[in-house]
Amino acid sequence: MGFMQRFSDIMSANINSLLSGAEEKNAGKLLEKYLADARANLEELKSETSAIIADEMAAARRVAANNEEIAKYDRYAEQAVLAGNDDDARKFLDAKSQLVAKKAELEAAYETAKSNSDKMRQMTRKLMEDIASAEGKMVELRAKLTVAEHKEKMDDLMHKVAGRTDMSGFENMMEAVQKSIDSVDAKVALNEELADKMDIKKLEEKYSEKAAEVSASVEADLAALKARLGK
């Protein structure tokens, strides 16, 4: 389970801590690198998760098949007793007892596989949520940088016209600058409205089985069966 250790840091990843203390202009580069690494990790994690879930499903099928075999031999033994063939009933009950003995082992293997797949599902969901959060931070950061750039341009224009006496020209220039800022704000608002929200689909769990009681012995099974059938 080496891959479980490789992805353990995903569970403690935090976008805000990644950006804390970073300069605003450097934060964009940090986010871009994080997103690139996280997306690559997500593809690998999905592949690993699918393989572990497949193991869980296979283990569940083995448990179900074993239970079906137990029930089948129990029916055969009953039919043999009704036909008066105790020797045949013993053979069926012997086969059943071997399957019952194997049942606990199969169920333990299933529980282990299920535990592993649950952990992988949790890590996959966590990484997808982190990627969505980082993408949102990136949109927000880019918007702030754009507004800052336009503010710098506005400040430059204000300094250029500070010594002029033609106030109408100054007002026209300020109006043009304000329109530019309004355009940026409108674009930011639109980006926020159109931001996609990632749907996290929960994977369904299958094939849960309750443990059956283990028969004490073949002869005890036979005696109980004959008593039930009035033989």
Protein backbone atom coordinates (compact mmCIF):
# COMPACT_ATOMS: atom_id res chain seq x y z
CA MET A 1 0.00 0.00 0.00
CA GLY A 2 2.89 2.39 -0.77
CA PHE A 3 0.64 4.65 -2.81
CA MET A 4 -1.46 5.32 0.31
CA GLN A 5 1.62 6.87 1.92
CA ARG A 6 2.44 8.86 -1.22
CA PHE A 7 -0.97 10.55 -1.14
CA SER A 8 -1.14 11.05 2.62
CA ASP A 9 -0.09 14.71 2.30
CA ILE A 10 -3.23 15.39 0.27
CA MET A 11 -5.34 15.07 3.41
CA SER A 12 -3.45 17.93 5.11
CA ALA A 13 -3.15 20.21 2.07
CA ASN A 14 -4.55 23.70 2.59
CA ILE A 15 -4.78 26.38 -0.10
CA ASN A 16 -4.84 29.27 2.37
CA SER A 17 -1.69 28.07 4.14
CA LEU A 18 -0.04 27.73 0.74
CA LEU A 19 -0.64 31.41 0.03
CA SER A 20 -0.04 32.79 3.52
CA GLY A 21 3.01 35.01 3.63
CA ALA A 22 3.45 34.92 -0.16
CA GLU A 23 3.73 38.13 -2.08
CA GLU A 24 0.63 38.81 -4.13
CA LYS A 25 2.42 38.62 -7.46
CA ASN A 26 4.24 35.44 -6.45
CA ALA A 27 0.99 33.87 -5.22
CA GLY A 28 -0.19 33.43 -8.80
CA LYS A 29 2.87 31.34 -9.68
CA LEU A 30 2.44 29.25 -6.54
CA LEU A 31 -1.21 28.58 -7.38
CA GLU A 32 -0.40 27.68 -10.97
CA LYS A 33 2.22 25.17 -9.85
CA TYR A 34 -0.12 23.74 -7.21
CA LEU A 35 -2.91 23.33 -9.76
CA ALA A 36 -0.63 21.64 -12.28
CA ASP A 37 0.69 19.18 -9.66
CA ALA A 38 -2.76 18.60 -8.14
CA ARG A 39 -4.38 17.83 -11.51
CA ALA A 40 -1.62 15.35 -12.34
CA ASN A 41 -2.00 13.74 -8.91
CA LEU A 42 -5.77 13.57 -9.35
CA GLU A 43 -5.49 11.49 -12.51
CA GLU A 44 -3.12 9.09 -10.80
CA LEU A 45 -5.27 8.99 -7.68
CA LYS A 46 -8.40 8.22 -9.72
CA SER A 47 -6.61 5.32 -11.37
CA GLU A 48 -5.43 3.95 -8.02
CA THR A 49 -8.89 4.44 -6.49
CA SER A 50 -10.58 2.58 -9.34
CA ALA A 51 -8.23 -0.36 -8.86
CA ILE A 52 -8.91 -0.49 -5.10
CA ILE A 53 -12.67 -0.27 -5.63
CA ALA A 54 -12.39 -3.13 -8.13
CA ASP A 55 -10.65 -5.19 -5.41
CA GLU A 56 -13.51 -4.40 -3.03
CA MET A 57 -16.11 -5.46 -5.59
CA ALA A 58 -14.26 -8.71 -6.30
CA ALA A 59 -14.03 -9.48 -2.57
CA ALA A 60 -17.77 -8.80 -2.21
CA ARG A 61 -18.53 -11.18 -5.08
CA ARG A 62 -16.47 -13.92 -3.41
CA VAL A 63 -18.42 -13.47 -0.17
CA ALA A 64 -21.74 -13.58 -2.03
CA ALA A 65 -20.73 -16.65 -4.04
CA ASN A 66 -19.65 -18.46 -0.86
CA ASN A 67 -22.98 -17.67 0.80
CA GLU A 68 -24.85 -18.96 -2.24
CA GLU A 69 -22.87 -22.20 -2.16
CA ILE A 70 -23.63 -22.65 1.54
CA ALA A 71 -27.33 -22.18 0.90
CA LYS A 72 -27.19 -24.53 -2.11
CA TYR A 73 -25.60 -27.42 -0.18
CA ASP A 74 -28.05 -26.89 2.65
CA ARG A 75 -30.94 -27.31 0.17
CA TYR A 76 -29.31 -30.42 -1.35
CA ALA A 77 -28.86 -31.94 2.10
CA GLU A 78 -32.52 -31.30 2.88
CA GLN A 79 -33.59 -32.97 -0.36
CA ALA A 80 -31.34 -35.96 0.37
CA VAL A 81 -32.87 -36.42 3.83
CA LEU A 82 -36.37 -36.22 2.37
CA ALA A 83 -35.36 -38.93 -0.09
CA GLY A 84 -34.01 -41.07 2.75
CA ASN A 85 -30.37 -40.81 1.63
CA ASP A 86 -28.51 -39.87 4.81
CA ASP A 87 -25.09 -40.59 3.28
CA ASP A 88 -25.73 -38.10 0.50
CA ALA A 89 -26.96 -35.58 3.07
CA ARG A 90 -23.72 -36.03 5.03
CA LYS A 91 -21.65 -35.31 1.91
CA PHE A 92 -23.59 -32.13 1.22
CA LEU A 93 -23.32 -31.03 4.84
CA ASP A 94 -19.58 -31.76 4.81
CA ALA A 95 -19.16 -29.54 1.74
CA LYS A 96 -21.27 -26.89 3.45
CA SER A 97 -19.12 -26.97 6.61
CA GLN A 98 -15.97 -26.35 4.55
CA LEU A 99 -17.58 -23.31 2.97
CA VAL A 100 -18.74 -22.06 6.37
CA ALA A 101 -15.17 -22.34 7.66
CA LYS A 102 -13.95 -20.27 4.72
CA LYS A 103 -16.68 -17.64 5.18
CA ALA A 104 -14.91 -15.70 7.96
CA GLU A 105 -11.71 -15.45 5.90
CA LEU A 106 -13.58 -14.12 2.86
CA GLU A 107 -15.51 -11.60 4.91
CA ALA A 108 -12.31 -10.36 6.60
CA ALA A 109 -10.71 -9.87 3.17
CA TYR A 110 -13.77 -7.92 2.04
CA GLU A 111 -13.68 -5.63 5.10
CA THR A 112 -9.99 -4.88 4.45
CA ALA A 113 -10.68 -4.09 0.78
CA LYS A 114 -13.65 -1.90 1.72
CA SER A 115 -11.58 0.03 4.27
CA ASN A 116 -8.90 0.69 1.67
CA SER A 117 -11.40 1.83 -0.95
CA ASP A 118 -13.10 4.16 1.56
CA LYS A 119 -9.76 5.83 2.26
CA MET A 120 -9.05 6.23 -1.44
CA ARG A 121 -12.52 7.69 -2.04
CA GLN A 122 -11.95 10.18 0.78
CA MET A 123 -8.58 11.27 -0.63
CA THR A 124 -10.02 11.63 -4.13
CA ARG A 125 -12.87 13.83 -2.89
CA LYS A 126 -10.44 15.92 -0.81
CA LEU A 127 -8.13 16.55 -3.77
CA MET A 128 -11.04 17.45 -6.06
CA GLU A 129 -12.30 19.94 -3.47
CA ASP A 130 -8.81 21.45 -3.12
CA ILE A 131 -8.49 21.84 -6.89
CA ALA A 132 -11.87 23.58 -7.06
CA SER A 133 -10.81 25.89 -4.20
CA ALA A 134 -7.49 26.68 -5.89
CA GLU A 135 -9.26 27.48 -9.17
CA GLY A 136 -11.55 29.89 -7.32
CA LYS A 137 -8.56 31.53 -5.64
CA MET A 138 -6.86 31.88 -9.02
CA VAL A 139 -9.88 33.70 -10.50
CA GLU A 140 -10.02 35.98 -7.47
CA LEU A 141 -6.29 36.68 -7.57
CA ARG A 142 -6.26 37.49 -11.28
CA ALA A 143 -9.19 39.87 -10.81
CA LYS A 144 -7.39 41.69 -8.00
CA LEU A 145 -4.20 41.99 -10.05
CA THR A 146 -6.16 43.38 -13.00
CA VAL A 147 -7.87 45.98 -10.83
CA ALA A 148 -4.52 46.93 -9.30
CA GLU A 149 -3.02 47.43 -12.74
CA HIS A 150 -5.86 49.71 -13.77
CA LYS A 151 -5.55 51.65 -10.51
CA GLU A 152 -1.87 52.27 -11.25
CA LYS A 153 -2.79 53.57 -14.71
CA MET A 154 -5.40 55.84 -13.18
CA ASP A 155 -2.88 57.23 -10.68
CA ASP A 156 -0.44 57.93 -13.50
CA LEU A 157 -3.10 59.83 -15.43
CA MET A 158 -4.06 61.85 -12.39
CA HIS A 159 -0.44 62.93 -11.90
CA LYS A 160 -0.15 63.95 -15.55
CA VAL A 161 -3.17 66.25 -15.38
CA ALA A 162 -2.54 67.56 -11.87
CA GLY A 163 -0.95 70.84 -13.13
CA ARG A 164 -3.48 71.55 -15.85
CA THR A 165 -6.10 74.30 -15.52
CA ASP A 166 -8.52 72.80 -18.04
CA MET A 167 -10.85 71.02 -15.57
CA SER A 168 -13.21 69.83 -18.29
CA GLY A 169 -10.36 67.88 -19.90
CA PHE A 170 -9.45 66.44 -16.51
CA GLU A 171 -13.03 65.37 -15.85
CA ASN A 172 -13.28 63.74 -19.26
CA MET A 173 -10.09 61.82 -18.61
CA MET A 174 -11.30 60.71 -15.16
CA GLU A 175 -14.56 59.56 -16.70
CA ALA A 176 -12.67 57.47 -19.25
CA VAL A 177 -10.56 55.93 -16.49
CA GLN A 178 -13.64 55.18 -14.40
CA LYS A 179 -15.30 53.48 -17.37
CA SER A 180 -12.22 51.29 -17.72
CA ILE A 181 -12.38 50.33 -14.05
CA ASP A 182 -16.12 49.67 -14.29
CA SER A 183 -15.44 47.38 -17.26
CA VAL A 184 -12.93 45.39 -15.20
CA ASP A 185 -15.34 45.16 -12.24
CA ALA A 186 -18.11 43.96 -14.57
CA LYS A 187 -15.83 41.28 -15.99
CA VAL A 188 -14.87 40.07 -12.51
CA ALA A 189 -18.56 39.88 -11.51
CA LEU A 190 -19.38 37.92 -14.65
CA ASN A 191 -16.54 35.47 -14.03
CA GLU A 192 -17.86 34.85 -10.52
CA GLU A 193 -21.39 34.23 -11.82
CA LEU A 194 -20.16 31.80 -14.47
CA ALA A 195 -17.73 29.92 -12.22
CA ASP A 196 -18.44 26.26 -12.42
CA LYS A 197 -19.16 24.39 -9.26
CA MET A 198 -17.78 20.93 -9.19
CA ASP A 199 -20.25 18.20 -8.38
CA ILE A 200 -18.75 15.58 -6.11
CA LYS A 201 -20.41 12.28 -6.78
CA LYS A 202 -20.46 9.75 -4.06
CA LEU A 203 -19.47 6.29 -5.11
CA GLU A 204 -21.99 3.62 -4.13
CA GLU A 205 -20.99 0.80 -1.86
CA LYS A 206 -22.04 -2.70 -2.76
CA TYR A 207 -22.28 -6.22 -1.71
CA SER A 208 -22.45 -5.95 2.11
CA GLU A 209 -23.14 -9.29 3.72
CA LYS A 210 -23.93 -10.32 7.34
CA ALA A 211 -21.91 -13.13 8.86
CA ALA A 212 -23.75 -16.44 9.24
CA GLU A 213 -23.40 -18.74 12.23
CA VAL A 214 -20.88 -21.53 11.76
CA SER A 215 -22.29 -25.09 12.21
CA ALA A 216 -20.72 -27.08 15.02
CA SER A 217 -20.27 -30.28 12.98
CA VAL A 218 -21.63 -32.16 10.00
CA GLU A 219 -23.42 -34.67 12.21
CA ALA A 220 -24.99 -31.87 14.26
CA ASP A 221 -26.21 -30.22 11.06
CA LEU A 222 -27.66 -33.54 9.92
CA ALA A 223 -29.44 -34.13 13.23
CA ALA A 224 -30.93 -30.62 13.19
CA LEU A 225 -32.05 -31.03 9.58
CA LYS A 226 -33.70 -34.41 10.24
CA ALA A 227 -35.45 -33.01 13.30
CA ARG A 228 -36.82 -30.15 11.22
CA LEU A 229 -38.07 -32.56 8.58
CA GLY A 230 -39.50 -35.05 11.06
CA LYS A 231 -37.08 -37.85 10.10
